[in-house]
Amino acid sequence: MDIIKRVTELREQRGWSKNHLAKKSGLSQSTVSNLYNRPHEPTISTLESLCNGFGISLSEFFNADGDATFLTEEQKHLLSEWSKLSETQKQSIFNLIKGV
């Protein structure tokens, strides 16, 4: 994903200038200018500030198609447990699910 393109898209949707984005996000004008003028990606902390300014989550920022994904507590718990499994265990679970 082109992060600067996404920031620009969100900014233009709101009719905001770069200066207004800086004010809304609590970032300095130079930080916002550097986003556009330097070839490196912004830090997570800068992205969080931008998202706060836009009134969106990081998840919404990276989900540009607007098709939000929400997980239930049960699904979050399942994913948490899944991350603890070995690759062999994960494959066994996949095979079990396919067989159901």
Protein backbone atom coordinates (compact mmCIF):
# COMPACT_ATOMS: atom_id res chain seq x y z
CA MET A 1 0.00 0.00 0.00
CA ASP A 2 1.18 3.50 -0.82
CA ILE A 3 0.81 5.20 2.57
CA ILE A 4 1.24 8.74 1.29
CA LYS A 5 -1.36 8.13 -1.41
CA ARG A 6 -3.78 6.90 1.28
CA VAL A 7 -3.08 9.92 3.51
CA THR A 8 -3.67 12.21 0.53
CA GLU A 9 -6.90 10.40 -0.34
CA LEU A 10 -8.25 10.77 3.21
CA ARG A 11 -7.12 14.38 3.41
CA GLU A 12 -8.72 15.31 0.09
CA GLN A 13 -11.98 13.50 0.96
CA ARG A 14 -12.25 15.89 3.89
CA GLY A 15 -11.13 18.95 1.93
CA TRP A 16 -8.18 19.45 4.29
CA SER A 17 -4.90 21.15 3.57
CA LYS A 18 -1.65 19.66 4.84
CA ASN A 19 -1.63 22.38 7.48
CA HIS A 20 -5.13 21.42 8.65
CA LEU A 21 -4.09 17.75 8.80
CA ALA A 22 -1.14 18.72 11.01
CA LYS A 23 -3.45 20.60 13.39
CA LYS A 24 -6.05 17.82 13.55
CA SER A 25 -3.45 15.10 14.12
CA GLY A 26 -1.32 17.04 16.61
CA LEU A 27 1.74 16.75 14.38
CA SER A 28 4.02 19.59 13.43
CA GLN A 29 3.70 21.10 9.97
CA SER A 30 7.24 19.98 9.23
CA THR A 31 6.37 16.35 10.08
CA VAL A 32 3.44 16.39 7.67
CA SER A 33 5.56 18.11 4.99
CA ASN A 34 8.27 15.49 5.46
CA LEU A 35 5.71 12.76 4.77
CA TYR A 36 5.30 14.16 1.29
CA ASN A 37 8.89 15.24 0.64
CA ARG A 38 10.96 12.33 1.94
CA PRO A 39 11.08 8.86 0.44
CA HIS A 40 10.72 6.93 3.74
CA GLU A 41 7.57 5.57 5.36
CA PRO A 42 6.16 7.26 8.49
CA THR A 43 6.57 5.63 11.89
CA ILE A 44 3.71 3.78 13.54
CA SER A 45 3.43 6.60 16.05
CA THR A 46 3.04 9.14 13.23
CA LEU A 47 0.46 6.91 11.53
CA GLU A 48 -1.48 6.64 14.79
CA SER A 49 -1.49 10.43 15.12
CA LEU A 50 -2.70 10.80 11.54
CA CYS A 51 -5.44 8.23 12.11
CA ASN A 52 -6.52 10.02 15.28
CA GLY A 53 -6.72 13.23 13.29
CA PHE A 54 -8.84 11.54 10.63
CA GLY A 55 -10.98 9.91 13.32
CA ILE A 56 -10.23 6.38 12.11
CA SER A 57 -8.35 3.35 13.40
CA LEU A 58 -5.12 1.99 11.92
CA SER A 59 -7.19 -0.95 10.70
CA GLU A 60 -9.52 1.40 8.82
CA PHE A 61 -6.52 3.26 7.39
CA PHE A 62 -5.10 0.08 5.87
CA ASN A 63 -8.50 -1.18 4.79
CA ALA A 64 -8.87 1.29 1.94
CA ASP A 65 -11.77 -0.55 0.30
CA GLY A 66 -13.95 0.35 3.28
CA ASP A 67 -15.01 -3.24 3.84
CA ALA A 68 -14.36 -3.32 7.58
CA THR A 69 -13.61 -6.59 9.27
CA PHE A 70 -14.81 -7.01 12.84
CA LEU A 71 -14.02 -10.01 15.01
CA THR A 72 -16.14 -11.34 17.83
CA GLU A 73 -14.48 -12.06 21.16
CA GLU A 74 -14.71 -15.75 20.33
CA GLN A 75 -12.88 -15.20 17.02
CA LYS A 76 -10.20 -13.08 18.73
CA HIS A 77 -9.68 -15.85 21.28
CA LEU A 78 -9.46 -18.46 18.53
CA LEU A 79 -6.83 -16.43 16.65
CA SER A 80 -4.88 -15.90 19.84
CA GLU A 81 -4.79 -19.65 20.47
CA TRP A 82 -4.02 -20.33 16.79
CA SER A 83 -0.86 -18.23 16.95
CA LYS A 84 0.47 -20.55 19.67
CA LEU A 85 0.21 -23.68 17.50
CA SER A 86 3.07 -25.29 15.60
CA GLU A 87 2.83 -25.62 11.82
CA THR A 88 2.07 -29.33 12.22
CA GLN A 89 -0.76 -28.58 14.65
CA LYS A 90 -2.16 -25.91 12.32
CA GLN A 91 -2.14 -28.38 9.41
CA SER A 92 -3.96 -30.93 11.58
CA ILE A 93 -6.64 -28.35 12.40
CA PHE A 94 -7.02 -27.49 8.69
CA ASN A 95 -7.44 -31.17 7.87
CA LEU A 96 -10.02 -31.57 10.62
CA ILE A 97 -12.01 -28.56 9.35
CA LYS A 98 -11.92 -29.86 5.77
CA GLY A 99 -13.24 -33.20 6.97
CA VAL A 100 -16.23 -31.71 8.77
